[in-house]
Amino acid sequence: MLIIPCQGVIYQGNLSAISYQLSAISYQLSAISYQLSAISYQLSVYELGHSVEASQRRSITASKPVPLTTDG
């Protein structure tokens, strides 16, 4: 009869340790997701700058005068 309460106490201790480890893992995962969101933000800023640069290049090439050829 004395073994069952001891096992119950050990089981509760293990559960609290497991819940502590799970909370630490969830904290690490939230930090990883924060880093990933920062990376995706940096990539979107880079893509925005790249698209603006490309559109400026297109507008420069489109504004060049086209030589007219006359047949005859």
Protein backbone atom coordinates (compact mmCIF):
# COMPACT_ATOMS: atom_id res chain seq x y z
CA MET A 1 0.00 0.00 0.00
CA LEU A 2 2.88 2.36 0.60
CA ILE A 3 4.37 1.79 -2.87
CA ILE A 4 1.40 3.23 -4.78
CA PRO A 5 1.52 6.75 -3.22
CA CYS A 6 5.29 6.87 -3.79
CA GLN A 7 4.80 5.94 -7.41
CA GLY A 8 2.10 8.59 -7.63
CA VAL A 9 4.45 11.23 -6.28
CA ILE A 10 7.21 10.16 -8.65
CA TYR A 11 4.70 10.17 -11.51
CA GLN A 12 3.60 13.72 -10.63
CA GLY A 13 7.23 14.79 -10.46
CA ASN A 14 7.87 13.29 -13.88
CA LEU A 15 4.81 15.03 -15.26
CA SER A 16 5.98 18.39 -13.96
CA ALA A 17 9.43 17.79 -15.45
CA ILE A 18 7.87 16.77 -18.76
CA SER A 19 5.63 19.84 -18.76
CA TYR A 20 8.65 22.02 -17.99
CA GLN A 21 10.55 20.46 -20.91
CA LEU A 22 7.55 20.93 -23.19
CA SER A 23 7.27 24.58 -22.22
CA ALA A 24 10.98 25.02 -22.95
CA ILE A 25 10.53 23.33 -26.32
CA SER A 26 7.54 25.54 -27.13
CA TYR A 27 9.60 28.59 -26.16
CA GLN A 28 12.39 27.46 -28.50
CA LEU A 29 9.87 26.85 -31.28
CA SER A 30 8.39 30.31 -30.81
CA ALA A 31 11.90 31.78 -31.01
CA ILE A 32 12.53 29.80 -34.21
CA SER A 33 9.25 30.99 -35.71
CA TYR A 34 10.17 34.56 -34.76
CA GLN A 35 13.51 34.17 -36.53
CA LEU A 36 11.78 32.69 -39.57
CA SER A 37 9.32 35.58 -39.70
CA ALA A 38 12.25 38.01 -39.51
CA ILE A 39 13.98 36.17 -42.36
CA SER A 40 10.82 36.20 -44.47
CA TYR A 41 10.43 39.93 -43.75
CA GLN A 42 14.00 40.54 -44.90
CA LEU A 43 13.38 38.47 -48.02
CA SER A 44 10.19 40.40 -48.82
CA VAL A 45 12.05 43.70 -48.41
CA TYR A 46 14.80 42.37 -50.69
CA GLU A 47 12.26 41.21 -53.27
CA LEU A 48 10.50 44.59 -53.11
CA GLY A 49 13.78 46.42 -53.68
CA HIS A 50 14.70 44.03 -56.48
CA SER A 51 11.33 44.50 -58.22
CA VAL A 52 11.61 48.30 -57.90
CA GLU A 53 15.12 48.14 -59.37
CA ALA A 54 13.92 45.93 -62.22
CA SER A 55 10.98 48.21 -62.97
CA GLN A 56 13.34 51.19 -63.04
CA ARG A 57 15.55 49.29 -65.49
CA ARG A 58 12.52 48.48 -67.64
CA SER A 59 11.40 52.11 -67.66
CA ILE A 60 14.90 53.22 -68.68
CA THR A 61 15.05 50.73 -71.54
CA ALA A 62 11.50 51.60 -72.60
CA SER A 63 12.28 55.32 -72.73
CA LYS A 64 15.15 54.86 -75.21
CA PRO A 65 14.30 56.22 -78.66
CA VAL A 66 13.59 53.55 -81.23
CA PRO A 67 15.22 54.25 -84.62
CA LEU A 68 12.72 54.42 -87.42
CA THR A 69 13.53 52.55 -90.61
CA THR A 70 12.05 53.74 -93.87
CA ASP A 71 11.68 51.30 -96.74
CA GLY A 72 12.06 52.95 -100.10
